[in-house]
Amino acid sequence: MRKLITLPGSDRRWRSWCGLVLGLLWLGPGVAHAATPLNGAWREVRADDTPQAVLAEYRAGRLKSFDPSLLQRFPRSIAGSWVVIASQPPWDNGERVLTIYPPPLSTATVIANGETQSLALDDFSVAAHGHGRLAWRVPATLPGSAPILLRFEPSPRLSAPVRFQLQPWNEYLQQDAQWLVFASACFAVMLAMVLMALCFALMLRDVTYAWYAGYIFCYMFIQGIQTGFLFHPLEWSWLSGMAPLAGPVAVALSVAFASLFMMRFCELQRYAPLLRVPIVALAVGMIQLVLMRCSQIALLVEVAQILLNPLLMIGAVLLLVAAIVAAARGSRQAWFFLAGWTPLLLLTAMTSAQVNGALPQLDWLNDASLAGGAFEAIVLSLGLADRALVLRHDRDIVQALADHDALTNVLNRRAWTERASSLLANGTPRPITLLFLDLDHFKLLNDRQGHNAGDRALVAVAQALATELRPSDLLGRYGGEEFVALLDGTTPQQAMPVATRLCRRVHRLEIPAGDESMLLSVSIGVAACQDGDDVESLVERADQAMYEAKLNGRNRVCLYAETVPPSAPIGPRLHIVKKRE
């Protein structure tokens, strides 16, 4: 099977991405070029064959004919296959290049003028190489009318269909450069998405990004081997001869990573819990195949090779069904997974059909799979970004609920204390003043009118306080009917008018506490932050000042001070509490 893997796989933004992918496809070798018309013929290799005998049979018309411009699959045999390619008249004797696309994973040997040359993806002995295909520069001594004989070596895998082109040298260079731009762009996109995901996995400590990075990297590695990009132009000579092992291992690992990624990304535990177990089993099974394939034990290697393709087909269907179920039940991320996975799955299915002789005209499917990988990486990255935004929004909501009092919607005691402590620990020399507020006659209101009336009064008071204070002031509910407000950058002299205004605002609410003559009011204690103060000591002094306001008749403001300023105005509603010895 040529394609070893069945993988996950505002309107203006989507049109931009689609335009990018179509542009990448246009750059690929699927673009039509005026190649030389060719005739082709082939047969299987026999033990007593010689190149001269095969060419004689070709001239006698005893070989099987085929159209070299269409994809042709040569059956897998023990000895291999002979292929003859001949130009149709008028013949061109200029500089020419014979190309084989997509490049087969086995070796093709060209026999011309009594000389032989091997063509292979992982051959580093020849200076000139095709990119994304096998290429042979026709010698100037070979006439345009002379047939070219090739021998395809046997392959343990199912042979992929190939097509042949005989192009002028300049046209070949142009097409080769276009493919390099196309492939480099696709691999660059996938690599960028992998690096981004790894960074987010480390920063957010979320293994979902790591599974995504592993999946995309394995798919990129598979495409790098199948297109030959890792061999030429990257010149990774250490991979020479390792493709039969590295390819299946990367395929199995990619499916394992895709399964683990999809399970967390689409939230199967929430939306499709029954499908979670088989997907985990698929991931574990693929990892076991990797271990069997790398064991170097002949029996285990053979079993792993037999099981790989069936498990790939089962896994592809399973992941597709799980994503559809999760999307139907409300998983937003499942739609991103389907948008990236489904096109790649269709391309893989079409490529598999091509291996069996169907769709010979669609020679662009292999490059479409490369572009499909880049497209899927982008779509899934957008899905991960959307997931991160949703998680952050949900976290902010939970944090807000945890930090705010459920009844009054101001900060609760824990959240207010944490933020006040952070403000005091800042260390910047600036005035900070604390107001400690306690509602007068609140117990009487609860006893006579009930707790519902008390709750409504607390809500009205909290709204009034929040309206009078600045957005930067920390307002919180400290206890049952107690509120605290931390005024940053405010001196006690500046805070006293603010506190007096709060007293008046609460009194103007005209909430009856007992009979109509007794209205709900508030007593406020004011304390200034001093060196070495923490929240507890500051609250304690403001609380003492508040009790002094209670003792002096309620509905008033008292300032806690070490000494009484000589010019401090003391009226019926303002008292200064001295430090008690």
Protein backbone atom coordinates (compact mmCIF):
# COMPACT_ATOMS: atom_id res chain seq x y z
CA MET A 1 0.00 0.00 0.00
CA ARG A 2 1.47 3.30 -1.07
CA LYS A 3 -0.21 5.38 1.61
CA LEU A 4 0.77 3.65 4.78
CA ILE A 5 -1.36 5.76 7.06
CA THR A 6 -5.03 6.63 7.37
CA LEU A 7 -4.66 9.73 9.45
CA PRO A 8 -6.66 12.52 10.92
CA GLY A 9 -6.58 13.49 9.97
CA SER A 10 -14.88 34.13 10.40
CA ASP A 11 -15.59 33.20 6.72
CA ARG A 12 -12.74 35.41 5.59
CA ARG A 13 -10.28 33.46 7.72
CA TRP A 14 -11.47 30.13 6.32
CA ARG A 15 -11.25 31.45 2.77
CA SER A 16 -7.68 32.54 3.46
CA TRP A 17 -6.67 29.07 4.68
CA CYS A 18 -8.39 27.41 1.71
CA GLY A 19 -6.62 29.79 -0.62
CA LEU A 20 -3.28 28.90 0.98
CA VAL A 21 -3.86 25.17 0.51
CA LEU A 22 -5.00 25.59 -3.10
CA GLY A 23 -1.93 27.71 -3.75
CA LEU A 24 0.30 24.99 -2.34
CA LEU A 25 -1.41 22.42 -4.53
CA TRP A 26 -0.89 24.62 -7.59
CA LEU A 27 2.84 24.71 -6.89
CA GLY A 28 3.07 20.92 -6.82
CA PRO A 29 4.08 18.65 -9.69
CA GLY A 30 0.46 18.00 -10.49
CA VAL A 31 0.61 21.11 -12.71
CA ALA A 32 0.44 20.10 -16.33
CA HIS A 33 3.62 20.42 -18.39
CA ALA A 34 4.18 19.72 -22.07
CA ALA A 35 6.15 16.49 -21.67
CA THR A 36 7.26 14.32 -24.58
CA PRO A 37 4.57 11.75 -25.64
CA LEU A 38 5.68 8.24 -24.63
CA ASN A 39 4.93 4.61 -25.32
CA GLY A 40 5.35 2.02 -22.57
CA ALA A 41 5.52 -1.74 -22.22
CA TRP A 42 6.38 -4.16 -19.41
CA ARG A 43 6.57 -7.74 -18.22
CA GLU A 44 7.78 -9.60 -15.13
CA VAL A 45 11.44 -10.54 -14.83
CA ARG A 46 12.40 -14.13 -15.61
CA ALA A 47 15.52 -15.95 -14.45
CA ASP A 48 17.20 -16.14 -17.88
CA ASP A 49 16.48 -12.57 -18.95
CA THR A 50 19.05 -10.24 -20.51
CA PRO A 51 18.51 -6.58 -21.39
CA GLN A 52 19.04 -7.35 -25.09
CA ALA A 53 16.41 -10.11 -25.03
CA VAL A 54 13.86 -7.87 -23.32
CA LEU A 55 14.41 -5.08 -25.87
CA ALA A 56 14.08 -7.60 -28.68
CA GLU A 57 10.75 -8.76 -27.26
CA TYR A 58 9.66 -5.14 -27.03
CA ARG A 59 10.46 -4.51 -30.68
CA ALA A 60 8.59 -7.67 -31.57
CA GLY A 61 5.54 -6.39 -29.66
CA ARG A 62 5.47 -9.25 -27.11
CA LEU A 63 5.43 -7.01 -23.98
CA LYS A 64 2.29 -5.67 -22.31
CA SER A 65 1.57 -2.09 -23.40
CA PHE A 66 0.53 0.75 -21.07
CA ASP A 67 0.26 4.54 -21.14
CA PRO A 68 3.26 6.01 -19.25
CA SER A 69 1.44 9.32 -18.70
CA LEU A 70 -1.13 7.53 -16.49
CA LEU A 71 -0.45 5.84 -13.18
CA GLN A 72 0.51 2.21 -13.76
CA ARG A 73 0.89 -0.42 -11.05
CA PHE A 74 3.37 -3.23 -11.66
CA PRO A 75 2.48 -6.36 -9.70
CA ARG A 76 4.68 -7.52 -6.87
CA SER A 77 6.78 -10.47 -7.97
CA ILE A 78 9.76 -12.39 -6.71
CA ALA A 79 12.13 -11.13 -9.41
CA GLY A 80 10.70 -7.69 -10.26
CA SER A 81 9.48 -6.12 -13.51
CA TRP A 82 10.98 -4.94 -16.79
CA VAL A 83 9.68 -1.60 -18.13
CA VAL A 84 10.46 -0.07 -21.54
CA ILE A 85 9.84 3.64 -22.17
CA ALA A 86 10.08 5.00 -25.73
CA SER A 87 9.49 8.49 -27.15
CA GLN A 88 6.94 9.03 -29.89
CA PRO A 89 8.02 10.99 -32.97
CA PRO A 90 9.07 13.67 -33.61
CA TRP A 91 12.09 12.81 -31.48
CA ASP A 92 14.00 15.30 -29.34
CA ASN A 93 17.76 14.79 -29.06
CA GLY A 94 18.31 17.68 -26.66
CA GLU A 95 18.95 17.53 -22.91
CA ARG A 96 16.21 15.39 -21.36
CA VAL A 97 15.28 13.93 -17.99
CA LEU A 98 13.22 10.80 -17.34
CA THR A 99 11.18 11.09 -14.13
CA ILE A 100 9.22 8.50 -12.15
CA TYR A 101 6.46 9.87 -9.93
CA PRO A 102 5.55 9.17 -7.19
CA PRO A 103 8.91 7.71 -6.25
CA PRO A 104 8.70 3.97 -5.53
CA LEU A 105 10.17 2.75 -2.25
CA SER A 106 12.08 0.03 -4.13
CA THR A 107 15.06 0.50 -6.47
CA ALA A 108 14.68 1.14 -10.20
CA THR A 109 17.68 0.37 -12.43
CA VAL A 110 18.09 2.18 -15.77
CA ILE A 111 19.95 0.28 -18.53
CA ALA A 112 21.13 2.35 -21.51
CA ASN A 113 24.17 2.22 -23.83
CA GLY A 114 25.36 -0.88 -22.00
CA GLU A 115 25.56 0.99 -18.70
CA THR A 116 23.37 0.71 -15.62
CA GLN A 117 22.39 3.27 -13.00
CA SER A 118 20.33 2.62 -9.89
CA LEU A 119 17.64 5.11 -8.87
CA ALA A 120 16.41 5.08 -5.29
CA LEU A 121 15.12 7.58 -2.74
CA ASP A 122 17.91 6.79 -0.28
CA ASP A 123 20.73 6.69 -2.86
CA PHE A 124 23.36 9.31 -2.00
CA SER A 125 26.00 8.19 -4.50
CA VAL A 126 24.67 10.23 -7.45
CA ALA A 127 25.22 13.99 -7.54
CA ALA A 128 21.89 14.95 -9.22
CA HIS A 129 18.58 13.84 -7.73
CA GLY A 130 14.94 14.51 -8.40
CA HIS A 131 12.92 15.98 -5.55
CA GLY A 132 9.68 14.17 -4.80
CA ARG A 133 10.39 11.72 -7.64
CA LEU A 134 13.12 9.60 -9.17
CA ALA A 135 14.98 11.32 -11.99
CA TRP A 136 17.50 10.12 -14.59
CA ARG A 137 19.33 12.53 -16.85
CA VAL A 138 19.38 11.01 -20.31
CA PRO A 139 22.92 10.88 -21.74
CA ALA A 140 23.56 13.10 -24.77
CA THR A 141 24.81 9.99 -26.63
CA LEU A 142 21.39 8.29 -26.42
CA PRO A 143 19.26 9.13 -29.48
CA GLY A 144 15.73 10.40 -28.91
CA SER A 145 14.32 7.38 -30.79
CA ALA A 146 16.12 4.82 -28.60
CA PRO A 147 13.95 3.02 -25.99
CA ILE A 148 14.91 3.25 -22.32
CA LEU A 149 14.93 0.00 -20.36
CA LEU A 150 14.25 -0.06 -16.62
CA ARG A 151 14.16 -2.86 -14.11
CA PHE A 152 12.04 -2.41 -10.97
CA GLU A 153 13.44 -4.47 -8.15
CA PRO A 154 11.02 -6.60 -6.07
CA SER A 155 9.50 -5.00 -3.00
CA PRO A 156 8.05 -6.75 0.06
CA ARG A 157 5.28 -4.16 0.05
CA LEU A 158 2.38 -3.68 -2.29
CA SER A 159 3.72 -1.71 -5.25
CA ALA A 160 2.44 1.83 -5.67
CA PRO A 161 1.37 3.00 -9.14
CA VAL A 162 3.78 5.32 -10.96
CA ARG A 163 3.81 7.43 -14.09
CA PHE A 164 6.72 8.40 -16.36
CA GLN A 165 7.66 11.68 -17.99
CA LEU A 166 10.44 12.58 -20.42
CA GLN A 167 11.00 16.33 -20.12
CA PRO A 168 13.41 18.89 -21.51
CA TRP A 169 16.06 19.83 -18.97
CA ASN A 170 14.84 23.42 -18.45
CA GLU A 171 11.24 22.30 -17.95
CA TYR A 172 12.38 19.66 -15.48
CA LEU A 173 14.30 22.25 -13.45
CA GLN A 174 11.24 24.52 -13.32
CA GLN A 175 8.95 21.73 -12.15
CA ASP A 176 11.56 20.52 -9.65
CA ALA A 177 11.87 24.02 -8.14
CA GLN A 178 8.09 24.32 -7.90
CA TRP A 179 7.84 21.03 -6.02
CA LEU A 180 10.59 22.08 -3.62
CA VAL A 181 8.71 25.30 -2.80
CA PHE A 182 5.46 23.39 -2.37
CA ALA A 183 6.91 20.63 -0.18
CA SER A 184 9.03 23.02 1.88
CA ALA A 185 5.98 25.17 2.61
CA CYS A 186 3.92 22.13 3.69
CA PHE A 187 6.66 20.76 5.95
CA ALA A 188 7.35 24.24 7.36
CA VAL A 189 3.68 24.64 8.31
CA MET A 190 3.59 21.24 10.02
CA LEU A 191 6.90 21.84 11.83
CA ALA A 192 5.74 25.27 13.03
CA MET A 193 2.55 23.74 14.43
CA VAL A 194 4.56 21.00 16.19
CA LEU A 195 6.91 23.52 17.84
CA MET A 196 4.02 25.73 18.88
CA ALA A 197 2.19 22.76 20.43
CA LEU A 198 5.28 21.67 22.35
CA CYS A 199 5.70 25.17 23.77
CA PHE A 200 2.08 25.25 24.90
CA ALA A 201 2.37 21.74 26.34
CA LEU A 202 5.24 22.94 28.53
CA MET A 203 3.69 26.27 29.49
CA LEU A 204 0.16 25.00 30.15
CA ARG A 205 1.20 21.53 31.36
CA ASP A 206 -1.49 20.05 29.11
CA VAL A 207 -0.64 16.69 27.57
CA THR A 208 -3.21 17.25 24.80
CA TYR A 209 -0.75 19.53 23.01
CA ALA A 210 1.99 16.89 23.36
CA TRP A 211 -0.21 14.19 21.74
CA TYR A 212 -1.02 16.61 18.91
CA ALA A 213 2.67 17.41 18.39
CA GLY A 214 3.55 13.70 18.33
CA TYR A 215 0.84 12.94 15.79
CA ILE A 216 1.73 15.76 13.39
CA PHE A 217 5.46 15.03 13.71
CA CYS A 218 4.94 11.34 12.85
CA TYR A 219 2.79 12.22 9.86
CA MET A 220 5.41 14.71 8.73
CA PHE A 221 8.08 12.01 9.10
CA ILE A 222 6.01 9.55 7.04
CA GLN A 223 5.53 12.07 4.25
CA GLY A 224 9.22 12.93 4.41
CA ILE A 225 10.11 9.29 3.75
CA GLN A 226 7.48 8.64 1.09
CA THR A 227 8.27 11.77 -0.89
CA GLY A 228 12.02 11.42 -0.34
CA PHE A 229 12.23 14.92 1.18
CA LEU A 230 14.26 13.60 4.12
CA PHE A 231 16.80 12.10 1.71
CA HIS A 232 16.85 14.92 -0.87
CA PRO A 233 17.15 17.83 -0.23
CA LEU A 234 17.69 17.29 3.52
CA GLU A 235 20.41 14.68 2.89
CA TRP A 236 19.67 12.61 6.00
CA SER A 237 21.99 9.81 4.94
CA TRP A 238 21.66 8.06 8.30
CA LEU A 239 18.13 7.07 7.25
CA SER A 240 19.44 5.14 4.25
CA GLY A 241 18.07 1.60 4.34
CA MET A 242 15.88 2.32 7.36
CA ALA A 243 12.68 3.16 5.49
CA PRO A 244 11.22 -0.39 5.73
CA LEU A 245 11.47 -0.17 9.54
CA ALA A 246 11.02 3.56 10.18
CA GLY A 247 7.93 3.89 7.96
CA PRO A 248 5.68 1.31 9.68
CA VAL A 249 6.89 2.40 13.12
CA ALA A 250 6.01 6.03 12.38
CA VAL A 251 2.62 4.95 11.01
CA ALA A 252 1.73 3.01 14.14
CA LEU A 253 2.95 5.77 16.44
CA SER A 254 1.02 8.40 14.52
CA VAL A 255 -2.23 6.47 14.98
CA ALA A 256 -1.47 5.98 18.68
CA PHE A 257 -0.81 9.71 19.14
CA ALA A 258 -3.88 10.62 17.06
CA SER A 259 -6.08 8.38 19.23
CA LEU A 260 -4.80 9.84 22.50
CA PHE A 261 -5.05 13.38 21.13
CA MET A 262 -8.57 12.89 19.78
CA MET A 263 -9.76 11.36 23.06
CA ARG A 264 -8.78 14.45 25.07
CA PHE A 265 -9.34 17.05 22.37
CA CYS A 266 -12.92 15.96 21.63
CA GLU A 267 -13.64 15.26 25.33
CA LEU A 268 -14.84 11.71 24.77
CA GLN A 269 -15.11 11.15 28.52
CA ARG A 270 -17.95 13.68 28.48
CA TYR A 271 -19.52 13.31 25.04
CA ALA A 272 -18.87 9.67 24.00
CA PRO A 273 -17.73 7.70 27.08
CA LEU A 274 -18.53 4.30 25.55
CA LEU A 275 -16.11 4.94 22.65
CA ARG A 276 -13.29 5.98 24.95
CA VAL A 277 -12.31 2.39 25.84
CA PRO A 278 -11.88 1.10 22.24
CA ILE A 279 -9.87 4.20 21.31
CA VAL A 280 -7.54 3.66 24.26
CA ALA A 281 -7.27 0.01 23.18
CA LEU A 282 -6.38 1.16 19.64
CA ALA A 283 -3.59 3.39 20.99
CA VAL A 284 -2.22 0.58 23.18
CA GLY A 285 -2.44 -1.88 20.30
CA MET A 286 -0.48 0.41 17.99
CA ILE A 287 2.25 0.83 20.60
CA GLN A 288 2.45 -2.97 20.92
CA LEU A 289 2.84 -3.22 17.13
CA VAL A 290 5.76 -0.80 17.34
CA LEU A 291 7.43 -2.96 19.98
CA MET A 292 6.84 -6.10 17.92
CA ARG A 293 8.17 -4.44 14.76
CA CYS A 294 11.35 -3.33 16.56
CA SER A 295 11.91 -6.66 18.34
CA GLN A 296 13.96 -8.15 15.44
CA ILE A 297 12.15 -11.46 16.11
CA ALA A 298 11.03 -12.74 12.71
CA LEU A 299 7.68 -14.10 13.86
CA LEU A 300 6.74 -10.94 15.76
CA VAL A 301 7.85 -8.71 12.88
CA GLU A 302 5.73 -10.70 10.44
CA VAL A 303 2.67 -10.62 12.71
CA ALA A 304 3.06 -6.87 13.19
CA GLN A 305 3.29 -6.37 9.43
CA ILE A 306 0.12 -8.43 8.87
CA LEU A 307 -1.88 -6.62 11.56
CA LEU A 308 -0.83 -3.06 10.70
CA ASN A 309 -3.10 -2.32 7.73
CA PRO A 310 -6.28 -3.92 9.20
CA LEU A 311 -5.79 -1.98 12.43
CA LEU A 312 -5.26 1.20 10.40
CA MET A 313 -8.59 0.76 8.63
CA ILE A 314 -10.41 -0.11 11.87
CA GLY A 315 -8.78 2.81 13.66
CA ALA A 316 -9.69 5.28 10.91
CA VAL A 317 -13.36 4.29 11.05
CA LEU A 318 -13.36 4.26 14.85
CA LEU A 319 -11.88 7.77 15.16
CA LEU A 320 -14.28 9.09 12.52
CA VAL A 321 -17.33 7.62 14.26
CA ALA A 322 -16.17 8.87 17.67
CA ALA A 323 -15.66 12.39 16.31
CA ILE A 324 -19.09 12.39 14.64
CA VAL A 325 -20.79 11.19 17.85
CA ALA A 326 -18.95 13.76 19.98
CA ALA A 327 -19.78 16.56 17.52
CA ALA A 328 -23.46 15.55 17.42
CA ARG A 329 -23.58 15.64 21.24
CA GLY A 330 -22.15 19.13 21.47
CA SER A 331 -18.36 18.89 21.37
CA ARG A 332 -17.14 22.07 19.70
CA GLN A 333 -13.61 20.71 19.21
CA ALA A 334 -14.92 17.57 17.47
CA TRP A 335 -15.96 19.75 14.52
CA PHE A 336 -12.38 21.00 14.19
CA PHE A 337 -11.16 17.39 14.28
CA LEU A 338 -13.62 16.36 11.57
CA ALA A 339 -12.69 19.37 9.42
CA GLY A 340 -9.00 18.39 9.49
CA TRP A 341 -9.34 14.60 9.58
CA THR A 342 -12.05 13.92 6.98
CA PRO A 343 -10.26 15.41 3.90
CA LEU A 344 -7.10 13.48 4.76
CA LEU A 345 -9.12 10.31 5.27
CA LEU A 346 -10.77 10.73 1.85
CA LEU A 347 -7.39 11.34 0.21
CA THR A 348 -6.01 8.20 1.85
CA ALA A 349 -9.00 6.15 0.69
CA MET A 350 -8.56 7.42 -2.87
CA THR A 351 -4.82 6.66 -2.76
CA SER A 352 -5.55 3.14 -1.53
CA ALA A 353 -7.98 2.67 -4.42
CA GLN A 354 -5.24 3.89 -6.74
CA VAL A 355 -2.94 1.16 -5.48
CA ASN A 356 -5.52 -1.36 -6.71
CA GLY A 357 -5.63 0.19 -10.18
CA ALA A 358 -8.40 2.78 -9.84
CA LEU A 359 -8.21 6.52 -10.62
CA PRO A 360 -5.08 6.40 -12.82
CA GLN A 361 -5.59 9.98 -13.97
CA LEU A 362 -5.37 11.47 -10.47
CA ASP A 363 -1.61 11.61 -10.17
CA TRP A 364 -1.85 14.62 -7.83
CA LEU A 365 -3.23 12.62 -4.89
CA ASN A 366 0.19 12.08 -3.29
CA ASP A 367 0.98 15.78 -3.26
CA ALA A 368 -2.57 16.50 -2.11
CA SER A 369 -1.89 14.25 0.89
CA LEU A 370 1.14 16.37 1.74
CA ALA A 371 -0.89 19.57 1.47
CA GLY A 372 -3.70 17.85 3.39
CA GLY A 373 -1.30 17.23 6.26
CA ALA A 374 -0.42 20.92 6.40
CA PHE A 375 -4.10 21.86 6.19
CA GLU A 376 -4.99 19.48 9.01
CA ALA A 377 -2.16 20.81 11.18
CA ILE A 378 -3.53 24.34 10.75
CA VAL A 379 -7.14 23.34 11.41
CA LEU A 380 -6.26 21.35 14.53
CA SER A 381 -4.07 24.20 15.76
CA LEU A 382 -7.03 26.55 15.39
CA GLY A 383 -9.07 23.99 17.32
CA LEU A 384 -6.47 23.89 20.08
CA ALA A 385 -6.46 27.68 20.23
CA ASP A 386 -10.25 27.70 20.44
CA ARG A 387 -10.09 25.04 23.17
CA ALA A 388 -7.58 27.12 25.14
CA LEU A 389 -9.84 30.19 24.90
CA VAL A 390 -12.89 28.19 26.03
CA LEU A 391 -10.96 26.69 28.95
CA ARG A 392 -9.69 30.12 29.93
CA HIS A 393 -13.19 31.58 29.76
CA ASP A 394 -14.55 28.73 31.89
CA ARG A 395 -11.68 29.15 34.34
CA ASP A 396 -12.37 32.88 34.62
CA ILE A 397 -16.03 32.17 35.32
CA VAL A 398 -15.16 29.62 37.98
CA GLN A 399 -12.61 32.00 39.48
CA ALA A 400 -15.15 34.81 39.55
CA LEU A 401 -17.69 32.56 41.25
CA ALA A 402 -15.08 31.45 43.77
CA ASP A 403 -13.95 35.02 44.52
CA HIS A 404 -17.32 36.75 44.81
CA ASP A 405 -19.97 36.52 47.45
CA ALA A 406 -22.93 34.61 46.04
CA LEU A 407 -25.51 37.01 47.51
CA THR A 408 -24.03 40.50 47.12
CA ASN A 409 -21.62 39.81 44.22
CA VAL A 410 -18.78 41.71 45.92
CA LEU A 411 -15.52 40.00 46.87
CA ASN A 412 -15.84 37.37 49.57
CA ARG A 413 -13.61 37.41 52.63
CA ARG A 414 -10.98 35.02 51.25
CA ALA A 415 -10.59 36.79 47.89
CA TRP A 416 -10.63 40.25 49.51
CA THR A 417 -7.96 39.21 52.02
CA GLU A 418 -5.73 37.77 49.28
CA ARG A 419 -5.94 40.88 47.13
CA ALA A 420 -5.50 43.22 50.08
CA SER A 421 -2.44 41.26 51.23
CA SER A 422 -0.98 41.50 47.74
CA LEU A 423 -1.59 45.25 47.72
CA LEU A 424 0.03 45.75 51.12
CA ALA A 425 3.00 43.56 50.17
CA ASN A 426 3.68 45.66 47.09
CA GLY A 427 5.94 47.85 49.16
CA THR A 428 5.38 51.05 47.18
CA PRO A 429 5.35 54.06 49.59
CA ARG A 430 1.80 55.39 49.20
CA PRO A 431 -1.12 55.99 51.57
CA ILE A 432 -3.63 53.16 52.04
CA THR A 433 -6.76 53.46 54.16
CA LEU A 434 -9.20 50.77 55.28
CA LEU A 435 -12.94 51.27 55.93
CA PHE A 436 -14.67 48.71 58.15
CA LEU A 437 -18.47 48.89 57.81
CA ASP A 438 -21.11 47.27 60.01
CA LEU A 439 -24.87 47.62 59.41
CA ASP A 440 -26.86 49.03 62.34
CA HIS A 441 -30.01 47.24 63.57
CA PHE A 442 -29.54 44.42 61.03
CA LYS A 443 -30.37 41.69 63.56
CA LEU A 444 -33.59 43.47 64.41
CA LEU A 445 -34.47 43.59 60.68
CA ASN A 446 -33.89 39.84 60.34
CA ASP A 447 -35.92 39.03 63.46
CA ARG A 448 -38.93 41.16 62.52
CA GLN A 449 -39.04 40.88 58.71
CA GLY A 450 -37.32 37.56 58.04
CA HIS A 451 -34.09 36.51 56.37
CA ASN A 452 -35.36 37.22 52.86
CA ALA A 453 -35.79 40.86 53.79
CA GLY A 454 -32.30 40.80 55.32
CA ASP A 455 -30.84 39.35 52.11
CA ARG A 456 -32.54 42.05 50.03
CA ALA A 457 -31.15 44.71 52.35
CA LEU A 458 -27.61 43.31 52.03
CA VAL A 459 -27.87 43.31 48.23
CA ALA A 460 -29.13 46.92 48.19
CA VAL A 461 -26.39 48.09 50.54
CA ALA A 462 -23.65 46.31 48.54
CA GLN A 463 -24.88 47.94 45.32
CA ALA A 464 -24.94 51.36 46.98
CA LEU A 465 -21.43 50.96 48.35
CA ALA A 466 -20.06 49.76 44.98
CA THR A 467 -21.66 52.76 43.25
CA GLU A 468 -20.07 55.27 45.60
CA LEU A 469 -16.58 53.72 45.60
CA ARG A 470 -14.06 53.82 42.77
CA PRO A 471 -13.55 50.70 40.57
CA SER A 472 -10.01 50.45 41.94
CA ASP A 473 -11.19 50.30 45.57
CA LEU A 474 -11.33 46.78 47.02
CA LEU A 475 -14.86 46.21 48.36
CA GLY A 476 -15.67 42.94 50.06
CA ARG A 477 -18.13 41.25 52.38
CA TYR A 478 -16.19 40.41 55.52
CA GLY A 479 -18.92 38.71 57.52
CA GLY A 480 -22.71 38.53 57.84
CA GLU A 481 -23.51 42.27 57.81
CA GLU A 482 -19.90 43.50 57.75
CA PHE A 483 -18.20 45.02 54.71
CA VAL A 484 -14.62 46.20 54.14
CA ALA A 485 -13.21 48.64 51.60
CA LEU A 486 -9.50 49.20 50.96
CA LEU A 487 -8.78 52.60 49.41
CA ASP A 488 -5.40 52.60 47.65
CA GLY A 489 -3.59 55.94 47.35
CA THR A 490 -5.97 57.59 49.83
CA THR A 491 -5.02 59.33 53.08
CA PRO A 492 -7.25 59.15 56.17
CA GLN A 493 -8.21 62.82 55.67
CA GLN A 494 -9.34 61.96 52.11
CA ALA A 495 -11.08 58.77 53.26
CA MET A 496 -13.24 60.47 55.93
CA PRO A 497 -15.49 62.33 53.42
CA VAL A 498 -15.82 59.10 51.44
CA ALA A 499 -16.90 57.19 54.55
CA THR A 500 -19.35 59.95 55.53
CA ARG A 501 -20.84 59.82 52.03
CA LEU A 502 -21.29 56.05 52.37
CA CYS A 503 -23.15 56.54 55.66
CA ARG A 504 -25.51 58.98 54.05
CA ARG A 505 -26.04 56.81 50.97
CA VAL A 506 -27.02 53.77 53.05
CA HIS A 507 -29.33 55.84 55.23
CA ARG A 508 -31.04 57.27 52.12
CA LEU A 509 -31.99 53.75 51.06
CA GLU A 510 -34.69 54.08 53.75
CA ILE A 511 -34.76 50.39 54.56
CA PRO A 512 -36.92 49.94 57.68
CA ALA A 513 -35.11 47.98 60.37
CA GLY A 514 -37.90 47.85 62.94
CA ASP A 515 -40.78 50.29 62.81
CA GLU A 516 -40.99 53.11 60.27
CA SER A 517 -38.99 55.47 62.49
CA MET A 518 -35.95 53.18 62.61
CA LEU A 519 -34.03 52.91 59.30
CA LEU A 520 -31.10 50.69 58.44
CA SER A 521 -27.79 52.57 58.72
CA VAL A 522 -24.07 51.81 58.84
CA SER A 523 -21.25 52.52 61.29
CA ILE A 524 -17.79 52.88 59.77
CA GLY A 525 -14.33 52.60 61.30
CA VAL A 526 -11.37 54.11 59.42
CA ALA A 527 -7.71 53.09 59.88
CA ALA A 528 -4.59 54.13 58.00
CA CYS A 529 -1.95 51.61 56.94
CA GLN A 530 1.31 51.92 58.90
CA ASP A 531 4.77 50.42 58.45
CA GLY A 532 4.78 46.70 59.23
CA ASP A 533 1.02 46.40 58.88
CA ASP A 534 -0.60 43.30 57.47
CA VAL A 535 -4.26 42.79 56.67
CA GLU A 536 -5.06 41.36 60.10
CA SER A 537 -3.58 44.27 62.08
CA LEU A 538 -5.12 46.87 59.77
CA VAL A 539 -8.57 45.27 60.03
CA GLU A 540 -8.23 45.04 63.82
CA ARG A 541 -7.68 48.82 64.17
CA ALA A 542 -10.48 49.67 61.76
CA ASP A 543 -12.76 47.28 63.67
CA GLN A 544 -11.98 49.08 66.96
CA ALA A 545 -12.85 52.40 65.33
CA MET A 546 -16.11 50.91 64.04
CA TYR A 547 -17.11 49.77 67.57
CA GLU A 548 -16.38 53.28 68.84
CA ALA A 549 -18.80 54.58 66.19
CA LYS A 550 -21.40 52.13 67.49
CA LEU A 551 -20.88 53.29 71.07
CA ASN A 552 -21.25 56.92 70.04
CA GLY A 553 -24.71 56.47 68.56
CA ARG A 554 -24.30 54.52 65.26
CA ASN A 555 -24.67 55.90 61.72
CA ARG A 556 -21.35 57.68 61.96
CA VAL A 557 -17.63 57.46 61.10
CA CYS A 558 -14.74 57.10 63.53
CA LEU A 559 -11.03 57.40 62.71
CA TYR A 560 -8.45 55.34 64.55
CA ALA A 561 -5.31 57.38 65.22
CA GLU A 562 -2.18 57.18 67.40
CA THR A 563 -2.65 60.83 68.43
CA VAL A 564 -5.43 63.28 67.90
CA PRO A 565 -4.51 66.01 65.39
CA PRO A 566 -5.00 69.46 67.01
CA SER A 567 -7.09 70.71 64.11
CA ALA A 568 -9.23 67.60 63.74
CA PRO A 569 -12.87 68.61 63.40
CA ILE A 570 -14.97 66.67 65.86
CA GLY A 571 -18.70 66.86 65.35
CA PRO A 572 -21.71 64.77 66.22
CA ARG A 573 -21.03 62.32 63.37
CA LEU A 574 -17.20 62.21 63.44
CA HIS A 575 -15.04 60.83 66.25
CA ILE A 576 -11.35 60.08 66.50
CA VAL A 577 -10.37 57.02 68.48
CA LYS A 578 -7.11 57.32 70.37
CA LYS A 579 -4.74 54.42 70.79
CA ARG A 580 -5.69 52.56 73.93
CA GLU A 581 -2.94 52.06 76.50
